[in-house]
Amino acid sequence: MPLYRIREAAALLGVSDDSLRRWADSGRLATSVDDAGRQAVDGAELARFAESNAPPVPSVGAITHESARNRFVGLVTRVVRDTVMAQVELQCGPYRVVSLLSREAADDLGLEPGVTAVASVKATNVVIEVSDPA
């Protein structure tokens, strides 16, 4: 595991060096001494501390405007989950929309066949195809 100097660890946590030193001095965050004799934090310990001390996600209220222009309301018809990812299929009128997202996101949204959902599509690349004239 990597070792992070106090300044580096503080920057990753979004706090001052002094705050991190106070946490270390009080025993809230375990530290060690690196090869140069400086106080350091083990990467695994820093990750554990960051997860357990993360502030709550701020509430943004109801979304009233967004940049996505293509919104397809539809019915979830299939959800295939593995340990990390989920493939979600929606039938939006005559269109079948397929999305790949994390399993955690699919679980948090409660996506199952029969649920109504909205697919918001915003892409930087759009492929246009035409068929041969008959």
N, C-alpha and C. Protein backbone atom coordinates (compact mmCIF):
# COMPACT_ATOMS: atom_id res chain seq x y z
N MET A 1 0.84 -1.18 0.00
CA MET A 1 0.00 0.00 0.00
C MET A 1 0.88 1.24 0.00
N PRO A 2 0.44 2.27 -0.70
CA PRO A 2 1.21 3.51 -0.69
C PRO A 2 1.08 4.23 0.66
N LEU A 3 2.07 5.02 0.96
CA LEU A 3 2.02 5.90 2.12
C LEU A 3 1.83 7.32 1.62
N TYR A 4 0.98 8.08 2.31
CA TYR A 4 0.72 9.46 1.95
C TYR A 4 1.25 10.38 3.03
N ARG A 5 2.01 11.40 2.62
CA ARG A 5 2.45 12.41 3.57
C ARG A 5 1.22 13.16 4.07
N ILE A 6 1.37 13.80 5.21
CA ILE A 6 0.24 14.49 5.83
C ILE A 6 -0.39 15.48 4.85
N ARG A 7 0.41 16.25 4.16
CA ARG A 7 -0.11 17.23 3.21
C ARG A 7 -0.91 16.56 2.10
N GLU A 8 -0.41 15.45 1.56
CA GLU A 8 -1.11 14.73 0.50
C GLU A 8 -2.43 14.15 1.00
N ALA A 9 -2.39 13.54 2.18
CA ALA A 9 -3.61 12.94 2.75
C ALA A 9 -4.65 14.02 3.03
N ALA A 10 -4.22 15.15 3.57
CA ALA A 10 -5.15 16.24 3.85
C ALA A 10 -5.81 16.75 2.57
N ALA A 11 -5.02 16.87 1.51
CA ALA A 11 -5.56 17.34 0.23
C ALA A 11 -6.60 16.35 -0.31
N LEU A 12 -6.34 15.06 -0.17
CA LEU A 12 -7.29 14.06 -0.65
C LEU A 12 -8.59 14.09 0.15
N LEU A 13 -8.51 14.44 1.43
CA LEU A 13 -9.71 14.51 2.27
C LEU A 13 -10.39 15.88 2.21
N GLY A 14 -9.71 16.86 1.58
CA GLY A 14 -10.31 18.19 1.47
C GLY A 14 -10.26 18.97 2.78
N VAL A 15 -9.23 18.72 3.60
CA VAL A 15 -9.08 19.43 4.87
C VAL A 15 -7.68 20.02 4.94
N SER A 16 -7.44 20.82 5.96
CA SER A 16 -6.11 21.41 6.13
C SER A 16 -5.15 20.39 6.74
N ASP A 17 -3.85 20.67 6.58
CA ASP A 17 -2.83 19.83 7.20
C ASP A 17 -3.03 19.79 8.71
N ASP A 18 -3.36 20.95 9.29
CA ASP A 18 -3.56 21.03 10.74
C ASP A 18 -4.70 20.15 11.21
N SER A 19 -5.80 20.12 10.45
CA SER A 19 -6.93 19.25 10.83
C SER A 19 -6.49 17.79 10.83
N LEU A 20 -5.77 17.40 9.80
CA LEU A 20 -5.35 16.01 9.72
C LEU A 20 -4.38 15.68 10.86
N ARG A 21 -3.49 16.60 11.18
CA ARG A 21 -2.57 16.36 12.30
C ARG A 21 -3.32 16.22 13.62
N ARG A 22 -4.35 17.05 13.83
CA ARG A 22 -5.16 16.95 15.05
C ARG A 22 -5.84 15.59 15.13
N TRP A 23 -6.38 15.10 14.00
CA TRP A 23 -7.02 13.79 13.97
C TRP A 23 -6.01 12.70 14.31
N ALA A 24 -4.81 12.84 13.77
CA ALA A 24 -3.76 11.85 14.05
C ALA A 24 -3.35 11.91 15.52
N ASP A 25 -3.15 13.11 16.05
CA ASP A 25 -2.74 13.27 17.45
C ASP A 25 -3.79 12.74 18.42
N SER A 26 -5.07 12.85 18.05
CA SER A 26 -6.14 12.38 18.94
C SER A 26 -6.40 10.87 18.77
N GLY A 27 -5.73 10.23 17.81
CA GLY A 27 -5.93 8.80 17.59
C GLY A 27 -7.07 8.48 16.65
N ARG A 28 -7.68 9.50 16.09
CA ARG A 28 -8.79 9.29 15.16
C ARG A 28 -8.32 8.68 13.84
N LEU A 29 -7.08 8.99 13.46
CA LEU A 29 -6.50 8.48 12.21
C LEU A 29 -5.11 7.95 12.52
N ALA A 30 -4.87 6.69 12.21
CA ALA A 30 -3.57 6.06 12.48
C ALA A 30 -2.53 6.56 11.49
N THR A 31 -1.35 6.85 11.99
CA THR A 31 -0.24 7.28 11.14
C THR A 31 0.98 6.44 11.49
N SER A 32 1.99 6.55 10.63
CA SER A 32 3.27 5.89 10.86
C SER A 32 4.35 6.86 10.43
N VAL A 33 5.58 6.42 10.47
CA VAL A 33 6.70 7.25 10.04
C VAL A 33 7.27 6.64 8.76
N ASP A 34 7.46 7.47 7.73
CA ASP A 34 7.99 6.95 6.46
C ASP A 34 9.50 6.83 6.53
N ASP A 35 10.13 6.40 5.44
CA ASP A 35 11.58 6.17 5.40
C ASP A 35 12.38 7.45 5.65
N ALA A 36 11.78 8.60 5.36
CA ALA A 36 12.46 9.88 5.57
C ALA A 36 12.21 10.44 6.97
N GLY A 37 11.47 9.68 7.80
CA GLY A 37 11.21 10.13 9.16
C GLY A 37 10.03 11.06 9.30
N ARG A 38 9.23 11.19 8.24
CA ARG A 38 8.05 12.07 8.29
C ARG A 38 6.81 11.27 8.63
N GLN A 39 5.87 11.95 9.26
CA GLN A 39 4.58 11.32 9.59
C GLN A 39 3.83 11.05 8.29
N ALA A 40 3.25 9.84 8.18
CA ALA A 40 2.56 9.44 6.95
C ALA A 40 1.34 8.61 7.31
N VAL A 41 0.44 8.46 6.33
CA VAL A 41 -0.79 7.68 6.50
C VAL A 41 -0.78 6.57 5.47
N ASP A 42 -1.03 5.35 5.92
CA ASP A 42 -1.14 4.21 5.03
C ASP A 42 -2.35 4.39 4.10
N GLY A 43 -2.20 4.04 2.83
CA GLY A 43 -3.28 4.24 1.85
C GLY A 43 -4.57 3.54 2.22
N ALA A 44 -4.47 2.30 2.71
CA ALA A 44 -5.69 1.56 3.08
C ALA A 44 -6.38 2.22 4.26
N GLU A 45 -5.60 2.70 5.23
CA GLU A 45 -6.17 3.40 6.39
C GLU A 45 -6.84 4.70 5.95
N LEU A 46 -6.20 5.41 5.03
CA LEU A 46 -6.77 6.67 4.53
C LEU A 46 -8.09 6.42 3.80
N ALA A 47 -8.14 5.35 3.00
CA ALA A 47 -9.37 5.01 2.28
C ALA A 47 -10.49 4.66 3.26
N ARG A 48 -10.18 3.87 4.28
CA ARG A 48 -11.18 3.52 5.30
C ARG A 48 -11.69 4.77 6.01
N PHE A 49 -10.76 5.64 6.38
CA PHE A 49 -11.13 6.87 7.08
C PHE A 49 -12.00 7.76 6.19
N ALA A 50 -11.63 7.88 4.91
CA ALA A 50 -12.40 8.71 3.99
C ALA A 50 -13.83 8.20 3.84
N GLU A 51 -13.99 6.88 3.73
CA GLU A 51 -15.34 6.31 3.60
C GLU A 51 -16.18 6.53 4.85
N SER A 52 -15.59 6.28 6.01
CA SER A 52 -16.37 6.35 7.25
C SER A 52 -16.62 7.78 7.71
N ASN A 53 -15.90 8.75 7.17
CA ASN A 53 -16.07 10.14 7.58
C ASN A 53 -16.55 11.05 6.46
N ALA A 54 -17.08 10.46 5.41
CA ALA A 54 -17.57 11.27 4.28
C ALA A 54 -18.80 12.05 4.71
N PRO A 55 -18.87 13.32 4.33
CA PRO A 55 -20.07 14.09 4.66
C PRO A 55 -21.25 13.60 3.82
N PRO A 56 -22.48 13.88 4.25
CA PRO A 56 -23.62 13.47 3.44
C PRO A 56 -23.66 14.24 2.12
N VAL A 57 -24.24 13.61 1.12
CA VAL A 57 -24.40 14.26 -0.18
C VAL A 57 -25.40 15.40 -0.02
N PRO A 58 -25.05 16.59 -0.46
CA PRO A 58 -25.99 17.70 -0.29
C PRO A 58 -27.24 17.51 -1.15
N SER A 59 -28.36 17.94 -0.63
CA SER A 59 -29.62 17.85 -1.36
C SER A 59 -29.68 18.99 -2.37
N VAL A 60 -30.09 18.67 -3.58
CA VAL A 60 -30.18 19.71 -4.61
C VAL A 60 -31.62 20.11 -4.89
N GLY A 61 -32.57 19.43 -4.29
CA GLY A 61 -33.97 19.75 -4.56
C GLY A 61 -34.43 19.15 -5.87
N ALA A 62 -35.61 19.55 -6.29
CA ALA A 62 -36.18 19.01 -7.53
C ALA A 62 -35.43 19.57 -8.74
N ILE A 63 -35.19 18.71 -9.71
CA ILE A 63 -34.53 19.13 -10.94
C ILE A 63 -35.57 19.84 -11.80
N THR A 64 -35.30 21.08 -12.18
CA THR A 64 -36.25 21.84 -13.00
C THR A 64 -35.75 22.03 -14.43
N HIS A 65 -34.45 21.96 -14.64
CA HIS A 65 -33.87 22.09 -15.97
C HIS A 65 -32.67 21.16 -16.06
N GLU A 66 -32.40 20.67 -17.25
CA GLU A 66 -31.22 19.86 -17.45
C GLU A 66 -30.78 19.99 -18.89
N SER A 67 -29.56 19.56 -19.18
CA SER A 67 -29.03 19.75 -20.52
C SER A 67 -29.41 18.62 -21.47
N ALA A 68 -29.82 17.47 -20.95
CA ALA A 68 -30.21 16.37 -21.83
C ALA A 68 -31.51 16.72 -22.54
N ARG A 69 -31.54 16.56 -23.84
CA ARG A 69 -32.71 16.92 -24.63
C ARG A 69 -33.55 15.70 -25.02
N ASN A 70 -32.93 14.56 -25.07
CA ASN A 70 -33.62 13.36 -25.52
C ASN A 70 -34.02 12.52 -24.32
N ARG A 71 -35.29 12.58 -23.97
CA ARG A 71 -35.80 11.85 -22.82
C ARG A 71 -36.86 10.88 -23.30
N PHE A 72 -36.65 9.60 -22.99
CA PHE A 72 -37.55 8.56 -23.42
C PHE A 72 -38.20 7.92 -22.19
N VAL A 73 -39.50 8.13 -22.03
CA VAL A 73 -40.23 7.50 -20.94
C VAL A 73 -40.61 6.11 -21.39
N GLY A 74 -40.37 5.14 -20.54
CA GLY A 74 -40.69 3.78 -20.94
C GLY A 74 -40.83 2.85 -19.76
N LEU A 75 -41.00 1.61 -20.10
CA LEU A 75 -41.20 0.56 -19.13
C LEU A 75 -39.97 -0.35 -19.11
N VAL A 76 -39.43 -0.61 -17.94
CA VAL A 76 -38.30 -1.52 -17.83
C VAL A 76 -38.81 -2.92 -18.20
N THR A 77 -38.16 -3.53 -19.18
CA THR A 77 -38.58 -4.86 -19.63
C THR A 77 -37.61 -5.96 -19.20
N ARG A 78 -36.36 -5.58 -18.90
CA ARG A 78 -35.37 -6.60 -18.54
C ARG A 78 -34.23 -5.94 -17.79
N VAL A 79 -33.75 -6.61 -16.76
CA VAL A 79 -32.57 -6.16 -16.02
C VAL A 79 -31.66 -7.37 -15.82
N VAL A 80 -30.45 -7.29 -16.34
CA VAL A 80 -29.47 -8.36 -16.16
C VAL A 80 -28.36 -7.80 -15.29
N ARG A 81 -28.18 -8.41 -14.11
CA ARG A 81 -27.17 -7.95 -13.16
C ARG A 81 -26.04 -8.97 -13.03
N ASP A 82 -24.81 -8.47 -12.91
CA ASP A 82 -23.72 -9.33 -12.46
C ASP A 82 -23.19 -8.70 -11.18
N THR A 83 -22.00 -9.02 -10.80
CA THR A 83 -21.50 -8.52 -9.52
C THR A 83 -21.17 -7.04 -9.54
N VAL A 84 -20.90 -6.47 -10.72
CA VAL A 84 -20.49 -5.07 -10.81
C VAL A 84 -21.44 -4.23 -11.66
N MET A 85 -21.91 -4.76 -12.78
CA MET A 85 -22.68 -3.98 -13.74
C MET A 85 -24.10 -4.52 -13.89
N ALA A 86 -24.94 -3.67 -14.50
CA ALA A 86 -26.31 -4.09 -14.83
C ALA A 86 -26.63 -3.58 -16.23
N GLN A 87 -27.35 -4.40 -16.98
CA GLN A 87 -27.86 -4.00 -18.29
C GLN A 87 -29.36 -3.85 -18.13
N VAL A 88 -29.86 -2.66 -18.43
CA VAL A 88 -31.28 -2.36 -18.26
C VAL A 88 -31.89 -2.06 -19.62
N GLU A 89 -32.99 -2.74 -19.93
CA GLU A 89 -33.69 -2.52 -21.19
C GLU A 89 -35.02 -1.87 -20.90
N LEU A 90 -35.33 -0.84 -21.67
CA LEU A 90 -36.62 -0.15 -21.56
C LEU A 90 -37.31 -0.20 -22.91
N GLN A 91 -38.63 -0.34 -22.90
CA GLN A 91 -39.42 -0.21 -24.12
C GLN A 91 -40.07 1.16 -24.03
N CYS A 92 -39.64 2.06 -24.91
CA CYS A 92 -40.11 3.44 -24.93
C CYS A 92 -40.88 3.65 -26.22
N GLY A 93 -42.18 3.37 -26.19
CA GLY A 93 -42.96 3.41 -27.42
C GLY A 93 -42.41 2.37 -28.37
N PRO A 94 -42.11 2.75 -29.61
CA PRO A 94 -41.58 1.78 -30.56
C PRO A 94 -40.08 1.53 -30.39
N TYR A 95 -39.44 2.26 -29.46
CA TYR A 95 -37.99 2.18 -29.33
C TYR A 95 -37.57 1.34 -28.13
N ARG A 96 -36.56 0.52 -28.36
CA ARG A 96 -35.93 -0.24 -27.29
C ARG A 96 -34.66 0.50 -26.91
N VAL A 97 -34.53 0.88 -25.65
CA VAL A 97 -33.36 1.60 -25.16
C VAL A 97 -32.64 0.68 -24.17
N VAL A 98 -31.33 0.53 -24.37
CA VAL A 98 -30.52 -0.31 -23.49
C VAL A 98 -29.47 0.57 -22.82
N SER A 99 -29.35 0.43 -21.51
CA SER A 99 -28.37 1.21 -20.75
C SER A 99 -27.51 0.28 -19.90
N LEU A 100 -26.23 0.59 -19.84
CA LEU A 100 -25.32 -0.12 -18.95
C LEU A 100 -24.98 0.82 -17.80
N LEU A 101 -25.17 0.36 -16.58
CA LEU A 101 -24.88 1.15 -15.41
C LEU A 101 -24.38 0.24 -14.31
N SER A 102 -23.90 0.83 -13.25
CA SER A 102 -23.41 0.00 -12.16
C SER A 102 -24.57 -0.76 -11.52
N ARG A 103 -24.27 -1.92 -11.00
CA ARG A 103 -25.30 -2.71 -10.31
C ARG A 103 -25.83 -1.92 -9.12
N GLU A 104 -24.93 -1.23 -8.44
CA GLU A 104 -25.34 -0.43 -7.28
C GLU A 104 -26.38 0.62 -7.68
N ALA A 105 -26.16 1.29 -8.81
CA ALA A 105 -27.12 2.29 -9.27
C ALA A 105 -28.45 1.65 -9.62
N ALA A 106 -28.42 0.52 -10.31
CA ALA A 106 -29.66 -0.17 -10.66
C ALA A 106 -30.42 -0.60 -9.41
N ASP A 107 -29.70 -1.10 -8.41
CA ASP A 107 -30.33 -1.50 -7.16
C ASP A 107 -30.92 -0.30 -6.43
N ASP A 108 -30.15 0.80 -6.36
CA ASP A 108 -30.62 2.01 -5.68
C ASP A 108 -31.88 2.57 -6.33
N LEU A 109 -31.97 2.46 -7.66
CA LEU A 109 -33.14 2.97 -8.39
C LEU A 109 -34.31 2.00 -8.35
N GLY A 110 -34.08 0.79 -7.86
CA GLY A 110 -35.15 -0.20 -7.80
C GLY A 110 -35.60 -0.67 -9.17
N LEU A 111 -34.66 -0.76 -10.11
CA LEU A 111 -35.01 -1.13 -11.48
C LEU A 111 -35.31 -2.62 -11.58
N GLU A 112 -36.52 -2.92 -11.98
CA GLU A 112 -37.02 -4.27 -12.18
C GLU A 112 -38.02 -4.22 -13.33
N PRO A 113 -38.26 -5.33 -14.01
CA PRO A 113 -39.28 -5.33 -15.05
C PRO A 113 -40.62 -4.81 -14.50
N GLY A 114 -41.22 -3.91 -15.28
CA GLY A 114 -42.51 -3.34 -14.88
C GLY A 114 -42.41 -1.95 -14.30
N VAL A 115 -41.20 -1.50 -13.95
CA VAL A 115 -41.02 -0.17 -13.38
C VAL A 115 -40.98 0.86 -14.52
N THR A 116 -41.65 1.97 -14.33
CA THR A 116 -41.58 3.07 -15.29
C THR A 116 -40.30 3.86 -15.03
N ALA A 117 -39.56 4.18 -16.08
CA ALA A 117 -38.31 4.92 -15.93
C ALA A 117 -38.15 5.87 -17.11
N VAL A 118 -37.23 6.79 -16.98
CA VAL A 118 -36.92 7.74 -18.05
C VAL A 118 -35.46 7.56 -18.44
N ALA A 119 -35.21 7.35 -19.72
CA ALA A 119 -33.85 7.28 -20.25
C ALA A 119 -33.53 8.66 -20.80
N SER A 120 -32.56 9.32 -20.20
CA SER A 120 -32.09 10.62 -20.69
C SER A 120 -30.83 10.38 -21.48
N VAL A 121 -30.83 10.80 -22.73
CA VAL A 121 -29.72 10.52 -23.61
C VAL A 121 -29.03 11.81 -23.99
N LYS A 122 -27.75 11.88 -23.72
CA LYS A 122 -26.94 13.00 -24.17
C LYS A 122 -25.61 12.42 -24.61
N ALA A 123 -25.30 12.57 -25.85
CA ALA A 123 -24.08 11.98 -26.38
C ALA A 123 -23.29 13.00 -27.17
N THR A 124 -21.99 12.84 -27.16
CA THR A 124 -21.15 13.72 -27.96
C THR A 124 -20.98 13.20 -29.37
N ASN A 125 -21.27 11.92 -29.58
CA ASN A 125 -21.17 11.32 -30.90
C ASN A 125 -22.49 10.65 -31.25
N VAL A 126 -23.01 10.98 -32.40
CA VAL A 126 -24.25 10.37 -32.89
C VAL A 126 -23.97 9.82 -34.29
N VAL A 127 -24.28 8.56 -34.49
CA VAL A 127 -24.08 7.92 -35.79
C VAL A 127 -25.39 7.98 -36.56
N ILE A 128 -25.35 8.44 -37.78
CA ILE A 128 -26.52 8.50 -38.66
C ILE A 128 -26.33 7.47 -39.76
N GLU A 129 -27.37 6.66 -39.99
CA GLU A 129 -27.30 5.65 -41.05
C GLU A 129 -28.48 5.82 -41.98
N VAL A 130 -28.29 5.48 -43.23
CA VAL A 130 -29.38 5.47 -44.20
C VAL A 130 -29.39 4.11 -44.90
N SER A 131 -30.55 3.72 -45.35
CA SER A 131 -30.65 2.45 -46.04
C SER A 131 -30.54 2.67 -47.54
N ASP A 132 -30.22 1.62 -48.27
CA ASP A 132 -30.17 1.70 -49.74
C ASP A 132 -31.55 1.98 -50.27
N PRO A 133 -31.69 2.87 -51.26
CA PRO A 133 -33.01 3.11 -51.84
C PRO A 133 -33.49 1.84 -52.55
N ALA A 134 -34.74 1.52 -52.36
CA ALA A 134 -35.29 0.29 -52.96
C ALA A 134 -35.79 0.52 -54.36
